[in-house]
Amino acid sequence: NVPVATRGRYKVDQAARVRLADADDWHVATVTMVDPVVDFASDTYRVKVRLPNDGGKLQAGLRVTVDLGPQ
């Protein structure tokens, strides 16, 4: 979830970077969805990114940091 103040900054197919919580290297990802609905209670909206996982090396559910580029 990202702050509603960033509306309009993120687009589908935009490049993103993902870093696993216990690692130093970044992985290339792509924005796949920008939710048009804002969550009123948290003043956020969802942005989903897809991270390729060739060979299944990355486990689902791991904590990550996502960099969506300049804000």
C-alpha atoms as a PDB file:
ATOM      1  CA  ASN A   1       0.000   0.000   0.000  1.00  0.00           C
ATOM      2  CA  VAL A   2       1.231   3.483  -0.847  1.00  0.00           C
ATOM      3  CA  PRO A   3       0.071   6.930   0.317  1.00  0.00           C
ATOM      4  CA  VAL A   4      -2.814   8.496  -1.592  1.00  0.00           C
ATOM      5  CA  ALA A   5      -0.627  11.593  -2.063  1.00  0.00           C
ATOM      6  CA  THR A   6       1.304   9.590  -4.696  1.00  0.00           C
ATOM      7  CA  ARG A   7      -1.751   9.035  -6.968  1.00  0.00           C
ATOM      8  CA  GLY A   8      -0.818   9.343 -10.625  1.00  0.00           C
ATOM      9  CA  ARG A   9       2.882   8.585 -10.121  1.00  0.00           C
ATOM     10  CA  TYR A  10       2.748   4.830 -10.749  1.00  0.00           C
ATOM     11  CA  LYS A  11       1.680   3.099 -13.955  1.00  0.00           C
ATOM     12  CA  VAL A  12       1.222  -0.516 -15.060  1.00  0.00           C
ATOM     13  CA  ASP A  13       4.406  -1.848 -16.744  1.00  0.00           C
ATOM     14  CA  GLN A  14       6.554   0.656 -14.830  1.00  0.00           C
ATOM     15  CA  ALA A  15       9.891  -0.745 -13.623  1.00  0.00           C
ATOM     16  CA  ALA A  16      10.394  -1.319  -9.911  1.00  0.00           C
ATOM     17  CA  ARG A  17      13.078  -2.871  -7.723  1.00  0.00           C
ATOM     18  CA  VAL A  18      12.659  -5.385  -4.898  1.00  0.00           C
ATOM     19  CA  ARG A  19      15.148  -6.217  -2.145  1.00  0.00           C
ATOM     20  CA  LEU A  20      14.705  -9.115   0.244  1.00  0.00           C
ATOM     21  CA  ALA A  21      14.809  -8.091   3.913  1.00  0.00           C
ATOM     22  CA  ASP A  22      17.993 -10.058   4.616  1.00  0.00           C
ATOM     23  CA  ALA A  23      19.853  -9.258   1.376  1.00  0.00           C
ATOM     24  CA  ASP A  24      21.789  -6.397  -0.167  1.00  0.00           C
ATOM     25  CA  ASP A  25      21.014  -6.979  -3.846  1.00  0.00           C
ATOM     26  CA  TRP A  26      18.015  -5.621  -5.731  1.00  0.00           C
ATOM     27  CA  HIS A  27      15.839  -7.609  -8.187  1.00  0.00           C
ATOM     28  CA  VAL A  28      14.063  -6.095 -11.194  1.00  0.00           C
ATOM     29  CA  ALA A  29      10.257  -6.146 -10.954  1.00  0.00           C
ATOM     30  CA  THR A  30       7.333  -4.641 -12.873  1.00  0.00           C
ATOM     31  CA  VAL A  31       4.197  -2.841 -11.696  1.00  0.00           C
ATOM     32  CA  THR A  32       1.229  -5.017 -12.677  1.00  0.00           C
ATOM     33  CA  MET A  33      -1.679  -3.204 -11.006  1.00  0.00           C
ATOM     34  CA  VAL A  34      -2.510   0.245  -9.662  1.00  0.00           C
ATOM     35  CA  ASP A  35      -5.742   0.028  -7.677  1.00  0.00           C
ATOM     36  CA  PRO A  36      -8.251   2.736  -8.615  1.00  0.00           C
ATOM     37  CA  VAL A  37      -9.873   2.435  -5.167  1.00  0.00           C
ATOM     38  CA  VAL A  38      -8.449   4.305  -2.164  1.00  0.00           C
ATOM     39  CA  ASP A  39      -8.754   2.855   1.337  1.00  0.00           C
ATOM     40  CA  PHE A  40     -10.333   5.728   3.270  1.00  0.00           C
ATOM     41  CA  ALA A  41      -9.263   4.454   6.715  1.00  0.00           C
ATOM     42  CA  SER A  42      -5.550   4.247   5.892  1.00  0.00           C
ATOM     43  CA  ASP A  43      -5.461   6.926   3.150  1.00  0.00           C
ATOM     44  CA  THR A  44      -3.611   4.478   0.883  1.00  0.00           C
ATOM     45  CA  TYR A  45      -4.138   2.497  -2.307  1.00  0.00           C
ATOM     46  CA  ARG A  46      -2.589  -0.735  -3.568  1.00  0.00           C
ATOM     47  CA  VAL A  47       0.171  -1.067  -6.112  1.00  0.00           C
ATOM     48  CA  LYS A  48       1.137  -4.627  -7.068  1.00  0.00           C
ATOM     49  CA  VAL A  49       4.486  -5.595  -8.560  1.00  0.00           C
ATOM     50  CA  ARG A  50       5.549  -8.866 -10.166  1.00  0.00           C
ATOM     51  CA  LEU A  51       8.984 -10.243  -9.410  1.00  0.00           C
ATOM     52  CA  PRO A  52      10.255 -13.026 -11.687  1.00  0.00           C
ATOM     53  CA  ASN A  53      11.287 -16.087  -9.690  1.00  0.00           C
ATOM     54  CA  ASP A  54      13.204 -18.213 -12.154  1.00  0.00           C
ATOM     55  CA  GLY A  55      14.069 -21.542 -10.619  1.00  0.00           C
ATOM     56  CA  GLY A  56      11.833 -20.895  -7.592  1.00  0.00           C
ATOM     57  CA  LYS A  57      14.698 -19.487  -5.500  1.00  0.00           C
ATOM     58  CA  LEU A  58      12.502 -16.909  -3.741  1.00  0.00           C
ATOM     59  CA  GLN A  59       9.906 -18.084  -1.217  1.00  0.00           C
ATOM     60  CA  ALA A  60       6.419 -16.590  -1.192  1.00  0.00           C
ATOM     61  CA  GLY A  61       5.653 -14.460   1.859  1.00  0.00           C
ATOM     62  CA  LEU A  62       9.162 -13.073   2.420  1.00  0.00           C
ATOM     63  CA  ARG A  63       9.504  -9.518   3.693  1.00  0.00           C
ATOM     64  CA  VAL A  64      10.824  -7.143   1.042  1.00  0.00           C
ATOM     65  CA  THR A  65      11.495  -3.495   0.322  1.00  0.00           C
ATOM     66  CA  VAL A  66      10.023  -2.180  -2.920  1.00  0.00           C
ATOM     67  CA  ASP A  67      11.472   0.830  -4.729  1.00  0.00           C
ATOM     68  CA  LEU A  68       8.987   2.318  -7.182  1.00  0.00           C
ATOM     69  CA  GLY A  69      11.371   5.028  -8.364  1.00  0.00           C
ATOM     70  CA  PRO A  70      11.389   8.775  -7.765  1.00  0.00           C
ATOM     71  CA  GLN A  71       8.613  10.172  -5.640  1.00  0.00           C
END
